[in-house]
């Protein structure tokens, strides 16, 4: 009787788990791929807007691991769209000229900030990237607030504020579609879920998704 009870319990757990997994897969299969909605783009970028100084990513915790790869990932993903030439501003440059390694888009800018970017980089615009939330374990999550500013007029050319969470079915669909394309190299079919497990690969997907909403020039 005891063995039968254990078997019945194990069978119940198996059925419950299978049903739950089936329902989750059904929800994912029916979900539309995630698309950003909380954004502001101008209709078209000015013709002169062809060089953008990309500031180092900002996070409220300067020791956050997302900062070890965030700068590189966001600049590389932006360059793939060819809308303008992104020029990476190093943390050393920021420290030397502005007194701190990373600047938030919401804080007061240092004196002569815009003038220095124009003189040192020949930039027409500046991009701020705030990583305002980050979760490095499943479900992975990354919150990004980005602002693209015209150095000539001081106007916003593009702004976005999204938190992308792999716990959402639409994000899982979009991330898997991204990985099955040519965007993530050297991944075999055996690692089909790695983009939902690797913070760096997931951040590539996030950056690509957000920059896909940039206006054309």
N, C-alpha and C. Protein backbone atom coordinates (compact mmCIF):
# COMPACT_ATOMS: atom_id res chain seq x y z
N UNK A 1 0.82 -1.21 0.00
CA UNK A 1 0.00 0.00 0.00
C UNK A 1 0.86 1.26 0.00
N UNK A 2 1.96 1.21 0.79
CA UNK A 2 2.83 2.38 0.87
C UNK A 2 3.48 2.65 -0.49
N UNK A 3 3.91 1.57 -1.17
CA UNK A 3 4.53 1.72 -2.49
C UNK A 3 3.52 2.28 -3.48
N UNK A 4 2.28 1.79 -3.40
CA UNK A 4 1.23 2.27 -4.31
C UNK A 4 0.95 3.75 -4.07
N UNK A 5 0.96 4.15 -2.80
CA UNK A 5 0.71 5.55 -2.47
C UNK A 5 1.83 6.44 -3.01
N UNK A 6 3.09 5.97 -2.86
CA UNK A 6 4.21 6.74 -3.38
C UNK A 6 4.15 6.86 -4.89
N UNK A 7 3.76 5.75 -5.56
CA UNK A 7 3.63 5.77 -7.01
C UNK A 7 2.55 6.74 -7.45
N UNK A 8 1.41 6.71 -6.73
CA UNK A 8 0.30 7.60 -7.06
C UNK A 8 0.69 9.07 -6.88
N UNK A 9 1.45 9.34 -5.82
CA UNK A 9 1.90 10.72 -5.57
C UNK A 9 2.86 11.17 -6.66
N UNK A 10 3.81 10.30 -7.02
CA UNK A 10 4.78 10.64 -8.07
C UNK A 10 4.07 10.86 -9.39
N UNK A 11 3.07 10.04 -9.68
CA UNK A 11 2.32 10.17 -10.92
C UNK A 11 1.55 11.49 -10.94
N UNK A 12 1.01 11.86 -9.79
CA UNK A 12 0.27 13.12 -9.68
C UNK A 12 1.19 14.31 -9.92
N UNK A 13 2.40 14.25 -9.34
CA UNK A 13 3.37 15.32 -9.53
C UNK A 13 3.77 15.41 -10.99
N UNK A 14 3.97 14.26 -11.65
CA UNK A 14 4.35 14.24 -13.06
C UNK A 14 3.27 14.86 -13.93
N UNK A 15 2.02 14.48 -13.66
CA UNK A 15 0.89 15.01 -14.45
C UNK A 15 0.75 16.51 -14.24
N UNK A 16 0.88 16.95 -12.98
CA UNK A 16 0.74 18.38 -12.67
C UNK A 16 1.84 19.19 -13.35
N UNK A 17 3.07 18.67 -13.27
CA UNK A 17 4.20 19.37 -13.88
C UNK A 17 4.04 19.42 -15.39
N UNK A 18 3.61 18.30 -15.98
CA UNK A 18 3.42 18.25 -17.44
C UNK A 18 2.34 19.21 -17.89
N UNK A 19 1.25 19.27 -17.15
CA UNK A 19 0.15 20.18 -17.50
C UNK A 19 0.60 21.63 -17.40
N UNK A 20 1.35 21.94 -16.34
CA UNK A 20 1.83 23.31 -16.15
C UNK A 20 2.78 23.69 -17.27
N UNK A 21 3.68 22.76 -17.64
CA UNK A 21 4.63 23.02 -18.72
C UNK A 21 3.91 23.20 -20.05
N UNK A 22 2.86 22.38 -20.26
CA UNK A 22 2.08 22.49 -21.50
C UNK A 22 1.39 23.84 -21.58
N UNK A 23 0.82 24.28 -20.46
CA UNK A 23 0.14 25.58 -20.44
C UNK A 23 1.12 26.71 -20.70
N UNK A 24 2.34 26.62 -20.10
CA UNK A 24 3.36 27.65 -20.32
C UNK A 24 3.77 27.69 -21.78
N UNK A 25 3.99 26.52 -22.37
CA UNK A 25 4.39 26.46 -23.78
C UNK A 25 3.29 26.99 -24.68
N UNK A 26 2.04 26.75 -24.31
CA UNK A 26 0.91 27.23 -25.08
C UNK A 26 0.85 28.76 -25.05
N UNK A 27 1.07 29.33 -23.85
CA UNK A 27 1.06 30.78 -23.71
C UNK A 27 2.16 31.41 -24.55
N UNK A 28 3.36 30.81 -24.50
CA UNK A 28 4.49 31.33 -25.27
C UNK A 28 4.22 31.23 -26.77
N UNK A 29 3.66 30.07 -27.18
CA UNK A 29 3.39 29.85 -28.60
C UNK A 29 2.39 30.86 -29.15
N UNK A 30 1.46 31.30 -28.31
CA UNK A 30 0.42 32.22 -28.76
C UNK A 30 0.82 33.70 -28.61
N UNK A 31 1.96 33.95 -27.95
CA UNK A 31 2.37 35.34 -27.69
C UNK A 31 2.97 35.99 -28.93
N UNK A 32 2.71 37.28 -29.08
CA UNK A 32 3.35 38.07 -30.13
C UNK A 32 4.73 38.50 -29.65
N UNK A 33 5.71 38.59 -30.54
CA UNK A 33 7.05 39.03 -30.13
C UNK A 33 7.01 40.41 -29.50
N UNK A 34 7.81 40.59 -28.48
CA UNK A 34 7.87 41.86 -27.75
C UNK A 34 8.32 43.00 -28.65
N UNK A 35 7.66 44.15 -28.51
CA UNK A 35 8.07 45.37 -29.19
C UNK A 35 7.99 46.53 -28.20
N UNK A 36 9.01 47.38 -28.17
CA UNK A 36 9.00 48.53 -27.25
C UNK A 36 7.84 49.48 -27.56
N UNK A 37 7.27 50.05 -26.53
CA UNK A 37 6.15 50.98 -26.72
C UNK A 37 6.38 52.32 -26.02
N UNK A 38 7.21 52.31 -24.96
CA UNK A 38 7.42 53.54 -24.18
C UNK A 38 8.60 54.32 -24.76
N UNK A 39 8.36 54.96 -25.91
CA UNK A 39 9.45 55.66 -26.58
C UNK A 39 8.96 56.93 -27.27
N UNK A 40 9.94 57.79 -27.57
CA UNK A 40 9.66 59.01 -28.33
C UNK A 40 10.72 59.14 -29.41
N UNK A 41 10.34 59.06 -30.69
CA UNK A 41 11.29 59.36 -31.77
C UNK A 41 10.82 60.55 -32.59
N UNK A 42 11.77 61.36 -33.07
CA UNK A 42 11.38 62.36 -34.07
C UNK A 42 11.09 61.61 -35.36
N UNK A 43 10.42 62.29 -36.29
CA UNK A 43 10.07 61.62 -37.54
C UNK A 43 11.31 61.23 -38.34
N UNK A 44 12.27 62.15 -38.43
CA UNK A 44 13.54 61.87 -39.12
C UNK A 44 14.65 62.67 -38.44
N UNK A 45 15.85 62.10 -38.46
CA UNK A 45 17.00 62.81 -37.92
C UNK A 45 17.46 63.86 -38.93
N UNK A 46 18.00 65.00 -38.46
CA UNK A 46 18.51 66.01 -39.39
C UNK A 46 19.65 65.44 -40.24
N UNK A 47 19.84 65.98 -41.42
CA UNK A 47 20.87 65.47 -42.33
C UNK A 47 22.27 65.60 -41.74
N UNK A 48 22.50 66.63 -40.91
CA UNK A 48 23.82 66.84 -40.33
C UNK A 48 24.10 65.91 -39.14
N UNK A 49 23.08 65.20 -38.70
CA UNK A 49 23.19 64.39 -37.47
C UNK A 49 23.83 63.04 -37.82
N UNK A 50 25.17 63.02 -37.87
CA UNK A 50 25.84 61.80 -38.33
C UNK A 50 26.91 61.26 -37.39
N UNK A 51 27.19 61.96 -36.29
CA UNK A 51 28.18 61.46 -35.33
C UNK A 51 27.63 61.65 -33.92
N UNK A 52 27.59 60.56 -33.17
CA UNK A 52 27.01 60.60 -31.82
C UNK A 52 28.00 60.10 -30.78
N UNK A 53 28.23 60.90 -29.76
CA UNK A 53 29.07 60.49 -28.63
C UNK A 53 28.21 59.64 -27.69
N UNK A 54 28.62 58.40 -27.49
CA UNK A 54 27.87 57.48 -26.63
C UNK A 54 28.52 57.47 -25.25
N UNK A 55 27.79 57.96 -24.26
CA UNK A 55 28.32 58.03 -22.91
C UNK A 55 28.37 56.63 -22.28
N UNK A 56 29.28 56.42 -21.33
CA UNK A 56 29.32 55.13 -20.64
C UNK A 56 27.98 54.85 -19.97
N UNK A 57 27.58 53.59 -19.97
CA UNK A 57 26.31 53.22 -19.32
C UNK A 57 26.36 53.59 -17.84
N UNK A 58 25.21 54.04 -17.34
CA UNK A 58 25.12 54.44 -15.93
C UNK A 58 24.27 53.43 -15.16
N UNK A 59 24.72 53.09 -13.97
CA UNK A 59 23.93 52.29 -13.04
C UNK A 59 24.15 52.87 -11.66
N UNK A 60 23.11 52.87 -10.85
CA UNK A 60 23.22 53.49 -9.52
C UNK A 60 24.26 52.79 -8.65
N UNK A 61 24.52 51.51 -8.94
CA UNK A 61 25.55 50.76 -8.23
C UNK A 61 26.77 50.65 -9.15
N UNK A 62 27.82 51.43 -8.90
CA UNK A 62 28.99 51.43 -9.78
C UNK A 62 29.73 50.09 -9.84
N UNK A 63 29.42 49.18 -8.91
CA UNK A 63 30.06 47.86 -8.91
C UNK A 63 29.20 46.80 -9.58
N UNK A 64 28.07 47.20 -10.16
CA UNK A 64 27.18 46.24 -10.79
C UNK A 64 27.89 45.51 -11.94
N UNK A 65 27.75 44.19 -12.04
CA UNK A 65 28.42 43.43 -13.12
C UNK A 65 27.95 43.82 -14.51
N UNK A 66 26.77 44.40 -14.63
CA UNK A 66 26.27 44.79 -15.95
C UNK A 66 27.16 45.86 -16.58
N UNK A 67 27.88 46.62 -15.76
CA UNK A 67 28.76 47.67 -16.28
C UNK A 67 30.05 47.10 -16.86
N UNK A 68 30.36 45.84 -16.58
CA UNK A 68 31.59 45.24 -17.10
C UNK A 68 31.47 44.93 -18.59
N UNK A 69 30.24 44.83 -19.09
CA UNK A 69 30.06 44.55 -20.52
C UNK A 69 29.06 45.48 -21.20
N UNK A 70 28.32 46.26 -20.44
CA UNK A 70 27.27 47.10 -21.00
C UNK A 70 27.75 48.10 -22.03
N UNK A 71 28.85 48.80 -21.75
CA UNK A 71 29.35 49.82 -22.68
C UNK A 71 29.67 49.21 -24.04
N UNK A 72 30.40 48.12 -24.03
CA UNK A 72 30.82 47.46 -25.27
C UNK A 72 29.62 46.94 -26.05
N UNK A 73 28.68 46.31 -25.37
CA UNK A 73 27.52 45.72 -26.03
C UNK A 73 26.65 46.79 -26.69
N UNK A 74 26.36 47.87 -25.99
CA UNK A 74 25.45 48.87 -26.53
C UNK A 74 26.07 49.63 -27.72
N UNK A 75 27.35 49.93 -27.65
CA UNK A 75 28.00 50.62 -28.77
C UNK A 75 28.04 49.71 -30.00
N UNK A 76 28.40 48.44 -29.82
CA UNK A 76 28.49 47.52 -30.95
C UNK A 76 27.13 47.27 -31.59
N UNK A 77 26.09 47.12 -30.77
CA UNK A 77 24.76 46.88 -31.34
C UNK A 77 24.25 48.11 -32.09
N UNK A 78 24.53 49.29 -31.56
CA UNK A 78 24.09 50.51 -32.24
C UNK A 78 24.77 50.65 -33.60
N UNK A 79 26.05 50.32 -33.67
CA UNK A 79 26.79 50.49 -34.92
C UNK A 79 26.24 49.62 -36.03
N UNK A 80 25.54 48.54 -35.70
CA UNK A 80 25.00 47.63 -36.70
C UNK A 80 23.87 48.25 -37.51
N UNK A 81 23.23 49.27 -36.97
CA UNK A 81 22.10 49.89 -37.66
C UNK A 81 22.53 50.94 -38.67
N UNK A 82 23.73 51.49 -38.52
CA UNK A 82 24.26 52.43 -39.50
C UNK A 82 23.48 53.72 -39.64
N UNK A 83 22.72 54.09 -38.63
CA UNK A 83 21.96 55.34 -38.69
C UNK A 83 22.90 56.54 -38.57
N UNK A 84 23.91 56.39 -37.72
CA UNK A 84 24.95 57.40 -37.55
C UNK A 84 26.18 56.69 -37.01
N UNK A 85 27.29 57.41 -36.90
CA UNK A 85 28.52 56.83 -36.39
C UNK A 85 28.57 57.01 -34.87
N UNK A 86 28.52 55.90 -34.12
CA UNK A 86 28.62 56.02 -32.66
C UNK A 86 30.08 56.09 -32.23
N UNK A 87 30.41 57.03 -31.36
CA UNK A 87 31.76 57.19 -30.86
C UNK A 87 31.74 56.98 -29.34
N UNK A 88 32.40 55.94 -28.91
CA UNK A 88 32.38 55.57 -27.51
C UNK A 88 33.19 56.55 -26.66
N UNK A 89 32.56 57.11 -25.66
CA UNK A 89 33.22 57.99 -24.70
C UNK A 89 33.67 57.12 -23.52
N UNK A 90 34.94 57.07 -23.26
CA UNK A 90 35.47 56.18 -22.22
C UNK A 90 35.20 56.74 -20.82
N UNK A 91 35.24 55.84 -19.84
CA UNK A 91 35.08 56.26 -18.45
C UNK A 91 36.26 57.15 -18.02
N UNK A 92 37.44 56.88 -18.60
CA UNK A 92 38.61 57.71 -18.27
C UNK A 92 38.41 59.14 -18.77
N UNK A 93 37.89 59.27 -19.99
CA UNK A 93 37.63 60.61 -20.53
C UNK A 93 36.64 61.35 -19.63
N UNK A 94 35.59 60.67 -19.23
CA UNK A 94 34.58 61.29 -18.36
C UNK A 94 35.19 61.73 -17.03
N UNK A 95 36.04 60.86 -16.48
CA UNK A 95 36.68 61.19 -15.21
C UNK A 95 37.58 62.40 -15.35
N UNK A 96 38.35 62.44 -16.45
CA UNK A 96 39.31 63.54 -16.67
C UNK A 96 38.62 64.88 -16.92
N UNK A 97 37.51 64.85 -17.71
CA UNK A 97 36.89 66.09 -18.14
C UNK A 97 35.66 66.49 -17.31
N UNK A 98 34.98 65.49 -16.74
CA UNK A 98 33.72 65.79 -16.05
C UNK A 98 33.74 65.43 -14.56
N UNK A 99 34.85 64.83 -14.10
CA UNK A 99 34.98 64.57 -12.66
C UNK A 99 34.40 63.27 -12.18
N UNK A 100 33.72 62.52 -13.03
CA UNK A 100 33.18 61.22 -12.64
C UNK A 100 33.15 60.31 -13.87
N UNK A 101 33.21 59.01 -13.63
CA UNK A 101 33.33 58.06 -14.74
C UNK A 101 32.03 57.88 -15.51
N UNK A 102 30.90 58.02 -14.85
CA UNK A 102 29.61 57.77 -15.50
C UNK A 102 28.61 58.84 -15.09
N UNK A 103 27.85 59.30 -16.07
CA UNK A 103 26.86 60.35 -15.83
C UNK A 103 25.46 59.82 -16.11
N UNK A 104 24.54 60.14 -15.23
CA UNK A 104 23.14 59.77 -15.44
C UNK A 104 22.46 60.81 -16.33
N UNK A 105 21.51 60.37 -17.12
CA UNK A 105 20.78 61.29 -17.99
C UNK A 105 19.89 62.24 -17.21
N UNK A 106 19.64 61.91 -15.94
CA UNK A 106 18.72 62.73 -15.15
C UNK A 106 19.43 63.74 -14.25
N UNK A 107 20.76 63.70 -14.20
CA UNK A 107 21.47 64.64 -13.33
C UNK A 107 21.89 65.90 -14.09
N UNK A 108 22.23 66.93 -13.34
CA UNK A 108 22.69 68.17 -13.95
C UNK A 108 24.02 67.92 -14.65
N UNK A 109 24.15 68.42 -15.88
CA UNK A 109 25.36 68.19 -16.66
C UNK A 109 26.48 69.13 -16.22
N UNK A 110 27.72 68.68 -16.30
CA UNK A 110 28.86 69.54 -15.92
C UNK A 110 28.96 70.76 -16.85
N UNK A 111 29.65 71.77 -16.39
CA UNK A 111 29.87 72.97 -17.22
C UNK A 111 30.60 72.60 -18.50
N UNK A 112 30.18 73.22 -19.59
CA UNK A 112 30.82 73.01 -20.90
C UNK A 112 30.73 71.57 -21.41
N UNK A 113 29.78 70.81 -20.87
CA UNK A 113 29.64 69.40 -21.27
C UNK A 113 29.43 69.27 -22.77
N UNK A 114 28.45 69.98 -23.31
CA UNK A 114 28.14 69.88 -24.73
C UNK A 114 29.28 70.40 -25.59
N UNK A 115 29.89 71.49 -25.17
CA UNK A 115 30.98 72.09 -25.93
C UNK A 115 32.17 71.13 -26.01
N UNK A 116 32.47 70.46 -24.92
CA UNK A 116 33.60 69.52 -24.89
C UNK A 116 33.37 68.35 -25.84
N UNK A 117 32.14 67.84 -25.89
CA UNK A 117 31.84 66.72 -26.79
C UNK A 117 31.96 67.14 -28.25
N UNK A 118 31.56 68.35 -28.53
CA UNK A 118 31.68 68.86 -29.91
C UNK A 118 33.15 69.01 -30.29
N UNK A 119 33.93 69.62 -29.39
CA UNK A 119 35.34 69.90 -29.69
C UNK A 119 36.20 68.63 -29.74
N UNK A 120 35.96 67.70 -28.81
CA UNK A 120 36.82 66.52 -28.70
C UNK A 120 36.40 65.38 -29.63
N UNK A 121 35.11 65.30 -29.96
CA UNK A 121 34.63 64.18 -30.77
C UNK A 121 34.04 64.61 -32.11
N UNK A 122 33.85 65.92 -32.30
CA UNK A 122 33.19 66.38 -33.52
C UNK A 122 31.78 65.84 -33.62
N UNK A 123 31.14 65.67 -32.46
CA UNK A 123 29.83 65.02 -32.40
C UNK A 123 28.70 66.00 -32.71
N UNK A 124 27.63 65.46 -33.30
CA UNK A 124 26.39 66.22 -33.51
C UNK A 124 25.36 65.90 -32.44
N UNK A 125 25.57 64.74 -31.78
CA UNK A 125 24.61 64.31 -30.78
C UNK A 125 25.30 63.56 -29.66
N UNK A 126 24.55 63.33 -28.59
CA UNK A 126 25.05 62.55 -27.46
C UNK A 126 23.97 61.57 -27.03
N UNK A 127 24.39 60.36 -26.67
CA UNK A 127 23.45 59.35 -26.20
C UNK A 127 23.77 58.98 -24.77
N UNK A 128 22.76 59.10 -23.90
CA UNK A 128 22.86 58.66 -22.51
C UNK A 128 22.15 57.31 -22.39
N UNK A 129 22.74 56.40 -21.64
CA UNK A 129 22.13 55.09 -21.41
C UNK A 129 22.15 54.80 -19.92
N UNK A 130 20.99 54.84 -19.29
CA UNK A 130 20.85 54.50 -17.88
C UNK A 130 20.31 53.07 -17.77
N UNK A 131 21.03 52.22 -17.09
CA UNK A 131 20.56 50.86 -16.81
C UNK A 131 19.95 50.89 -15.41
N UNK A 132 18.66 51.18 -15.36
CA UNK A 132 18.06 51.50 -14.06
C UNK A 132 17.61 50.27 -13.28
N UNK A 133 17.62 49.10 -13.89
CA UNK A 133 17.33 47.87 -13.15
C UNK A 133 18.02 46.72 -13.86
N UNK A 134 18.44 45.74 -13.08
CA UNK A 134 19.18 44.63 -13.65
C UNK A 134 19.04 43.40 -12.76
N UNK A 135 18.67 42.28 -13.37
CA UNK A 135 18.60 41.01 -12.65
C UNK A 135 19.37 39.97 -13.45
N UNK A 136 20.43 39.42 -12.86
CA UNK A 136 21.35 38.55 -13.59
C UNK A 136 21.00 37.07 -13.49
N UNK A 137 19.90 36.73 -12.82
CA UNK A 137 19.48 35.33 -12.70
C UNK A 137 18.10 35.18 -13.31
N UNK A 138 17.76 33.96 -13.70
CA UNK A 138 16.49 33.74 -14.39
C UNK A 138 15.30 34.02 -13.47
N UNK A 139 14.27 34.69 -14.00
CA UNK A 139 14.23 35.27 -15.34
C UNK A 139 15.05 36.56 -15.43
N UNK A 140 15.93 36.61 -16.42
CA UNK A 140 16.78 37.79 -16.61
C UNK A 140 15.92 39.03 -16.88
N UNK A 141 16.41 40.17 -16.43
CA UNK A 141 15.67 41.40 -16.63
C UNK A 141 16.65 42.57 -16.73
N UNK A 142 16.36 43.49 -17.65
CA UNK A 142 17.21 44.68 -17.80
C UNK A 142 16.32 45.88 -18.12
N UNK A 143 16.44 46.90 -17.31
CA UNK A 143 15.70 48.14 -17.54
C UNK A 143 16.62 49.20 -18.12
N UNK A 144 16.20 49.82 -19.21
CA UNK A 144 17.04 50.79 -19.91
C UNK A 144 16.28 52.09 -20.14
N UNK A 145 16.90 53.18 -19.75
CA UNK A 145 16.38 54.52 -20.08
C UNK A 145 17.44 55.21 -20.92
N UNK A 146 17.14 55.48 -22.17
CA UNK A 146 18.13 56.07 -23.08
C UNK A 146 17.58 57.36 -23.68
N UNK A 147 18.48 58.33 -23.88
CA UNK A 147 18.10 59.62 -24.44
C UNK A 147 19.15 60.05 -25.48
N UNK A 148 18.67 60.38 -26.66
CA UNK A 148 19.53 60.86 -27.74
C UNK A 148 19.25 62.35 -27.93
N UNK A 149 20.29 63.16 -27.77
CA UNK A 149 20.13 64.62 -27.75
C UNK A 149 20.94 65.26 -28.88
N UNK A 150 20.33 66.21 -29.57
CA UNK A 150 21.00 66.99 -30.61
C UNK A 150 21.84 68.06 -29.91
N UNK A 151 23.16 68.02 -30.12
CA UNK A 151 24.03 68.99 -29.47
C UNK A 151 23.86 70.40 -30.02
N UNK A 152 23.34 70.51 -31.21
CA UNK A 152 23.14 71.82 -31.84
C UNK A 152 21.92 72.54 -31.27
N UNK A 153 20.81 71.80 -31.15
CA UNK A 153 19.56 72.41 -30.70
C UNK A 153 19.22 72.10 -29.24
N UNK A 154 19.83 71.05 -28.70
CA UNK A 154 19.50 70.63 -27.34
C UNK A 154 18.21 69.84 -27.26
N UNK A 155 17.62 69.50 -28.40
CA UNK A 155 16.35 68.77 -28.43
C UNK A 155 16.57 67.27 -28.41
N UNK A 156 15.55 66.56 -27.89
CA UNK A 156 15.56 65.10 -27.91
C UNK A 156 15.28 64.62 -29.34
N UNK A 157 16.12 63.74 -29.84
CA UNK A 157 15.89 63.10 -31.13
C UNK A 157 15.20 61.75 -30.95
N UNK A 158 15.43 61.16 -29.79
CA UNK A 158 14.87 59.83 -29.49
C UNK A 158 15.03 59.59 -28.01
N UNK A 159 14.05 58.96 -27.42
CA UNK A 159 14.12 58.60 -26.00
C UNK A 159 13.29 57.34 -25.79
N UNK A 160 13.76 56.50 -24.87
CA UNK A 160 13.06 55.24 -24.62
C UNK A 160 13.27 54.84 -23.16
N UNK A 161 12.28 54.20 -22.59
CA UNK A 161 12.37 53.72 -21.21
C UNK A 161 11.61 52.40 -21.13
N UNK A 162 12.33 51.30 -21.11
CA UNK A 162 11.71 49.98 -21.12
C UNK A 162 12.42 49.05 -20.14
N UNK A 163 11.64 48.17 -19.52
CA UNK A 163 12.20 47.08 -18.72
C UNK A 163 11.83 45.79 -19.44
N UNK A 164 12.85 45.06 -19.88
CA UNK A 164 12.64 43.85 -20.67
C UNK A 164 12.94 42.65 -19.78
N UNK A 165 11.94 41.81 -19.59
CA UNK A 165 11.98 40.73 -18.61
C UNK A 165 11.71 39.40 -19.31
N UNK A 166 12.62 38.43 -19.17
CA UNK A 166 12.43 37.14 -19.83
C UNK A 166 11.34 36.30 -19.17
N UNK A 167 10.77 36.79 -18.09
CA UNK A 167 9.63 36.11 -17.49
C UNK A 167 8.35 36.35 -18.28
N UNK A 168 8.39 37.29 -19.24
CA UNK A 168 7.21 37.59 -20.06
C UNK A 168 7.28 36.79 -21.36
N UNK A 169 6.15 36.20 -21.73
CA UNK A 169 6.10 35.33 -22.90
C UNK A 169 6.52 36.06 -24.17
N UNK A 170 6.09 37.30 -24.33
CA UNK A 170 6.43 38.05 -25.55
C UNK A 170 7.93 38.28 -25.68
N UNK A 171 8.60 38.47 -24.54
CA UNK A 171 10.05 38.66 -24.55
C UNK A 171 10.75 37.36 -24.89
N UNK A 172 10.26 36.25 -24.35
CA UNK A 172 10.85 34.95 -24.66
C UNK A 172 10.74 34.66 -26.16
N UNK A 173 9.61 34.98 -26.76
CA UNK A 173 9.41 34.76 -28.19
C UNK A 173 10.39 35.61 -28.99
N UNK A 174 10.46 36.90 -28.67
CA UNK A 174 11.34 37.81 -29.40
C UNK A 174 12.81 37.44 -29.23
N UNK A 175 13.21 37.04 -28.02
CA UNK A 175 14.60 36.67 -27.76
C UNK A 175 14.99 35.42 -28.54
N UNK A 176 14.11 34.45 -28.60
CA UNK A 176 14.41 33.23 -29.35
C UNK A 176 14.46 33.49 -30.85
N UNK A 177 13.61 34.38 -31.34
CA UNK A 177 13.66 34.76 -32.76
C UNK A 177 14.98 35.47 -33.06
N UNK A 178 15.40 36.33 -32.16
CA UNK A 178 16.66 37.05 -32.32
C UNK A 178 17.83 36.06 -32.37
N UNK A 179 17.81 35.09 -31.47
CA UNK A 179 18.91 34.13 -31.42
C UNK A 179 18.93 33.23 -32.65
N UNK A 180 17.76 32.88 -33.18
CA UNK A 180 17.72 32.01 -34.35
C UNK A 180 18.17 32.73 -35.62
N UNK A 181 18.22 34.06 -35.56
CA UNK A 181 18.72 34.83 -36.69
C UNK A 181 20.24 34.82 -36.68
N UNK A 182 20.81 35.78 -37.35
CA UNK A 182 22.26 35.86 -37.46
C UNK A 182 22.87 36.81 -36.44
N UNK A 183 22.09 37.23 -35.47
CA UNK A 183 22.57 38.24 -34.53
C UNK A 183 23.50 37.68 -33.48
N UNK A 184 23.29 36.41 -33.09
CA UNK A 184 24.12 35.79 -32.07
C UNK A 184 24.93 34.69 -32.74
N UNK A 185 26.21 34.88 -32.85
CA UNK A 185 27.09 33.96 -33.57
C UNK A 185 27.55 32.81 -32.67
N UNK A 186 27.97 31.72 -33.34
CA UNK A 186 28.64 30.59 -32.69
C UNK A 186 27.82 29.95 -31.58
N UNK A 187 26.52 29.85 -31.79
CA UNK A 187 25.67 29.14 -30.83
C UNK A 187 25.05 27.94 -31.53
N UNK A 188 25.23 26.78 -30.98
CA UNK A 188 24.67 25.58 -31.60
C UNK A 188 23.22 25.42 -31.19
N UNK A 189 22.53 24.48 -31.86
CA UNK A 189 21.13 24.24 -31.53
C UNK A 189 21.00 23.68 -30.11
N UNK A 190 22.08 23.11 -29.60
CA UNK A 190 22.04 22.55 -28.24
C UNK A 190 21.93 23.64 -27.19
N UNK A 191 22.23 24.89 -27.55
CA UNK A 191 22.17 25.98 -26.58
C UNK A 191 21.07 26.96 -26.95
N UNK A 192 19.93 26.44 -27.39
CA UNK A 192 18.85 27.28 -27.89
C UNK A 192 18.27 28.22 -26.84
N UNK A 193 18.48 27.89 -25.56
CA UNK A 193 17.91 28.74 -24.51
C UNK A 193 18.96 29.65 -23.88
N UNK A 194 20.20 29.66 -24.42
CA UNK A 194 21.28 30.37 -23.76
C UNK A 194 21.05 31.87 -23.69
N UNK A 195 20.35 32.44 -24.64
CA UNK A 195 20.10 33.87 -24.61
C UNK A 195 19.22 34.25 -23.42
N UNK A 196 18.47 33.30 -22.91
CA UNK A 196 17.63 33.53 -21.73
C UNK A 196 18.38 33.21 -20.44
N UNK A 197 19.64 32.80 -20.59
CA UNK A 197 20.44 32.43 -19.42
C UNK A 197 21.71 33.27 -19.28
N UNK A 198 22.19 33.82 -20.39
CA UNK A 198 23.43 34.59 -20.37
C UNK A 198 23.14 36.09 -20.30
N UNK A 199 23.56 36.77 -19.23
CA UNK A 199 23.33 38.21 -19.12
C UNK A 199 23.90 39.00 -20.29
N UNK A 200 25.09 38.63 -20.77
CA UNK A 200 25.70 39.38 -21.87
C UNK A 200 24.92 39.20 -23.17
N UNK A 201 24.55 37.96 -23.50
CA UNK A 201 23.79 37.72 -24.73
C UNK A 201 22.41 38.36 -24.63
N UNK A 202 21.82 38.30 -23.44
CA UNK A 202 20.51 38.93 -23.26
C UNK A 202 20.60 40.43 -23.44
N UNK A 203 21.68 41.04 -22.96
CA UNK A 203 21.84 42.50 -23.11
C UNK A 203 22.02 42.86 -24.59
N UNK A 204 22.63 41.97 -25.39
CA UNK A 204 22.74 42.21 -26.83
C UNK A 204 21.36 42.25 -27.45
N UNK A 205 20.51 41.33 -27.06
CA UNK A 205 19.13 41.32 -27.55
C UNK A 205 18.39 42.59 -27.14
N UNK A 206 18.57 43.01 -25.89
CA UNK A 206 17.91 44.22 -25.40
C UNK A 206 18.37 45.43 -26.20
N UNK A 207 19.68 45.58 -26.36
CA UNK A 207 20.23 46.73 -27.10
C UNK A 207 19.73 46.74 -28.54
N UNK A 208 19.76 45.58 -29.19
CA UNK A 208 19.29 45.48 -30.57
C UNK A 208 17.81 45.86 -30.67
N UNK A 209 17.02 45.36 -29.75
CA UNK A 209 15.58 45.62 -29.77
C UNK A 209 15.28 47.11 -29.59
N UNK A 210 15.96 47.74 -28.65
CA UNK A 210 15.71 49.16 -28.39
C UNK A 210 16.21 50.03 -29.54
N UNK A 211 17.39 49.74 -30.07
CA UNK A 211 17.95 50.56 -31.15
C UNK A 211 17.22 50.35 -32.48
N UNK A 212 16.45 49.29 -32.57
CA UNK A 212 15.65 49.08 -33.78
C UNK A 212 14.56 50.13 -33.93
N UNK A 213 14.31 50.90 -32.86
CA UNK A 213 13.28 51.95 -32.91
C UNK A 213 13.85 53.32 -33.22
N UNK A 214 15.17 53.41 -33.47
CA UNK A 214 15.78 54.70 -33.79
C UNK A 214 15.19 55.27 -35.09
N UNK A 215 14.99 56.57 -35.16
CA UNK A 215 14.50 57.16 -36.41
C UNK A 215 15.59 57.14 -37.49
N UNK A 216 15.15 57.15 -38.74
CA UNK A 216 16.09 57.21 -39.86
C UNK A 216 16.55 58.64 -40.09
N UNK A 217 17.59 58.78 -40.86
CA UNK A 217 18.13 60.10 -41.16
C UNK A 217 17.86 60.44 -42.65
